[in-house]
Amino acid sequence: MTPTYAPTGRQRRIFVPVPAESVPPAPPQPQDPPIYRDLMRSWADRGRALPGRHDPEWARLAAPPTGSARWVRAEGINDV
């Protein structure tokens, strides 16, 4: 028979996840007020950015710079 512990005497601990059926379901999310849904629809029709949605322009602007032009020294700032 193979022992389940290391020669140093430490026992292995096995993680057993809780079955999904024992986790209580999340409460339903409240609906947005009609005025907010209408505003979101109006913004979407005009191609504007919407909260909680991917915005490609923001992702492009917020992305770190690529290539060798990472650091640019601003002339005249802090020159003594």
C-alpha atoms as a PDB file:
ATOM      1  CA  MET A   1       0.000   0.000   0.000  1.00  0.00           C
ATOM      2  CA  THR A   2       1.319   3.484  -0.895  1.00  0.00           C
ATOM      3  CA  PRO A   3       1.210   6.052   1.927  1.00  0.00           C
ATOM      4  CA  THR A   4      -0.593   9.371   1.296  1.00  0.00           C
ATOM      5  CA  TYR A   5       1.962  11.375   3.264  1.00  0.00           C
ATOM      6  CA  ALA A   6       5.476  12.515   2.489  1.00  0.00           C
ATOM      7  CA  PRO A   7       8.452  10.890   4.220  1.00  0.00           C
ATOM      8  CA  THR A   8       8.795  14.008   6.385  1.00  0.00           C
ATOM      9  CA  GLY A   9       5.406  13.284   7.955  1.00  0.00           C
ATOM     10  CA  ARG A  10       3.469  16.105   6.311  1.00  0.00           C
ATOM     11  CA  GLN A  11       0.072  15.092   5.018  1.00  0.00           C
ATOM     12  CA  ARG A  12      -1.301  16.206   1.687  1.00  0.00           C
ATOM     13  CA  ARG A  13      -4.350  18.423   1.684  1.00  0.00           C
ATOM     14  CA  ILE A  14      -6.819  17.970  -1.117  1.00  0.00           C
ATOM     15  CA  PHE A  15      -9.159  20.780  -2.126  1.00  0.00           C
ATOM     16  CA  VAL A  16     -12.649  19.566  -2.927  1.00  0.00           C
ATOM     17  CA  PRO A  17     -14.861  22.293  -4.445  1.00  0.00           C
ATOM     18  CA  VAL A  18     -18.410  22.740  -3.213  1.00  0.00           C
ATOM     19  CA  PRO A  19     -20.987  21.325  -5.644  1.00  0.00           C
ATOM     20  CA  ALA A  20     -22.754  24.021  -7.674  1.00  0.00           C
ATOM     21  CA  GLU A  21     -26.216  22.970  -6.541  1.00  0.00           C
ATOM     22  CA  SER A  22     -25.411  23.844  -2.918  1.00  0.00           C
ATOM     23  CA  VAL A  23     -24.651  27.502  -3.748  1.00  0.00           C
ATOM     24  CA  PRO A  24     -27.742  29.703  -3.379  1.00  0.00           C
ATOM     25  CA  PRO A  25     -28.744  31.499  -6.606  1.00  0.00           C
ATOM     26  CA  ALA A  26     -27.998  35.210  -6.874  1.00  0.00           C
ATOM     27  CA  PRO A  27     -30.965  37.536  -6.424  1.00  0.00           C
ATOM     28  CA  PRO A  28     -32.358  38.928  -9.697  1.00  0.00           C
ATOM     29  CA  GLN A  29     -30.920  42.259 -10.804  1.00  0.00           C
ATOM     30  CA  PRO A  30     -33.369  45.163 -10.629  1.00  0.00           C
ATOM     31  CA  GLN A  31     -34.496  46.591 -13.965  1.00  0.00           C
ATOM     32  CA  ASP A  32     -33.241  49.986 -15.077  1.00  0.00           C
ATOM     33  CA  PRO A  33     -35.813  52.806 -14.971  1.00  0.00           C
ATOM     34  CA  PRO A  34     -37.463  53.425 -18.373  1.00  0.00           C
ATOM     35  CA  ILE A  35     -35.886  56.878 -18.699  1.00  0.00           C
ATOM     36  CA  TYR A  36     -32.414  55.337 -18.323  1.00  0.00           C
ATOM     37  CA  ARG A  37     -33.163  52.606 -20.896  1.00  0.00           C
ATOM     38  CA  ASP A  38     -34.383  55.286 -23.342  1.00  0.00           C
ATOM     39  CA  LEU A  39     -31.246  57.346 -22.778  1.00  0.00           C
ATOM     40  CA  MET A  40     -29.026  54.307 -23.364  1.00  0.00           C
ATOM     41  CA  ARG A  41     -30.926  53.493 -26.550  1.00  0.00           C
ATOM     42  CA  SER A  42     -30.551  57.100 -27.750  1.00  0.00           C
ATOM     43  CA  TRP A  43     -26.787  57.075 -27.065  1.00  0.00           C
ATOM     44  CA  ALA A  44     -26.367  53.715 -28.805  1.00  0.00           C
ATOM     45  CA  ASP A  45     -28.251  54.979 -31.879  1.00  0.00           C
ATOM     46  CA  ARG A  46     -25.816  57.911 -32.089  1.00  0.00           C
ATOM     47  CA  GLY A  47     -22.756  55.650 -31.706  1.00  0.00           C
ATOM     48  CA  ARG A  48     -21.742  57.009 -28.295  1.00  0.00           C
ATOM     49  CA  ALA A  49     -19.926  55.101 -25.569  1.00  0.00           C
ATOM     50  CA  LEU A  50     -22.180  53.289 -23.119  1.00  0.00           C
ATOM     51  CA  PRO A  51     -21.494  52.385 -19.477  1.00  0.00           C
ATOM     52  CA  GLY A  52     -20.465  48.761 -19.082  1.00  0.00           C
ATOM     53  CA  ARG A  53     -19.828  48.254 -22.811  1.00  0.00           C
ATOM     54  CA  HIS A  54     -16.517  47.951 -24.649  1.00  0.00           C
ATOM     55  CA  ASP A  55     -15.366  51.263 -26.113  1.00  0.00           C
ATOM     56  CA  PRO A  56     -12.726  50.732 -28.832  1.00  0.00           C
ATOM     57  CA  GLU A  57     -11.693  54.403 -28.888  1.00  0.00           C
ATOM     58  CA  TRP A  58     -11.061  54.451 -25.130  1.00  0.00           C
ATOM     59  CA  ALA A  59      -9.157  51.159 -25.332  1.00  0.00           C
ATOM     60  CA  ARG A  60      -6.930  52.646 -28.064  1.00  0.00           C
ATOM     61  CA  LEU A  61      -6.309  55.883 -26.139  1.00  0.00           C
ATOM     62  CA  ALA A  62      -5.671  54.142 -22.795  1.00  0.00           C
ATOM     63  CA  ALA A  63      -3.334  51.484 -24.223  1.00  0.00           C
ATOM     64  CA  PRO A  64       0.328  51.774 -23.252  1.00  0.00           C
ATOM     65  CA  PRO A  65       2.614  53.118 -25.968  1.00  0.00           C
ATOM     66  CA  THR A  66       4.359  50.572 -28.154  1.00  0.00           C
ATOM     67  CA  GLY A  67       7.803  50.577 -29.705  1.00  0.00           C
ATOM     68  CA  SER A  68      10.809  52.631 -28.690  1.00  0.00           C
ATOM     69  CA  ALA A  69       8.870  55.886 -28.153  1.00  0.00           C
ATOM     70  CA  ARG A  70       7.842  54.976 -24.611  1.00  0.00           C
ATOM     71  CA  TRP A  71       9.368  57.965 -22.863  1.00  0.00           C
ATOM     72  CA  VAL A  72       9.366  61.416 -24.339  1.00  0.00           C
ATOM     73  CA  ARG A  73      11.144  64.229 -22.534  1.00  0.00           C
ATOM     74  CA  ALA A  74       9.128  67.419 -22.403  1.00  0.00           C
ATOM     75  CA  GLU A  75      11.508  70.283 -23.235  1.00  0.00           C
ATOM     76  CA  GLY A  76      11.420  73.255 -20.914  1.00  0.00           C
ATOM     77  CA  ILE A  77       9.802  71.467 -17.989  1.00  0.00           C
ATOM     78  CA  ASN A  78      11.904  71.464 -14.837  1.00  0.00           C
ATOM     79  CA  ASP A  79      14.933  72.862 -16.666  1.00  0.00           C
ATOM     80  CA  VAL A  80      17.062  74.920 -14.304  1.00  0.00           C
END
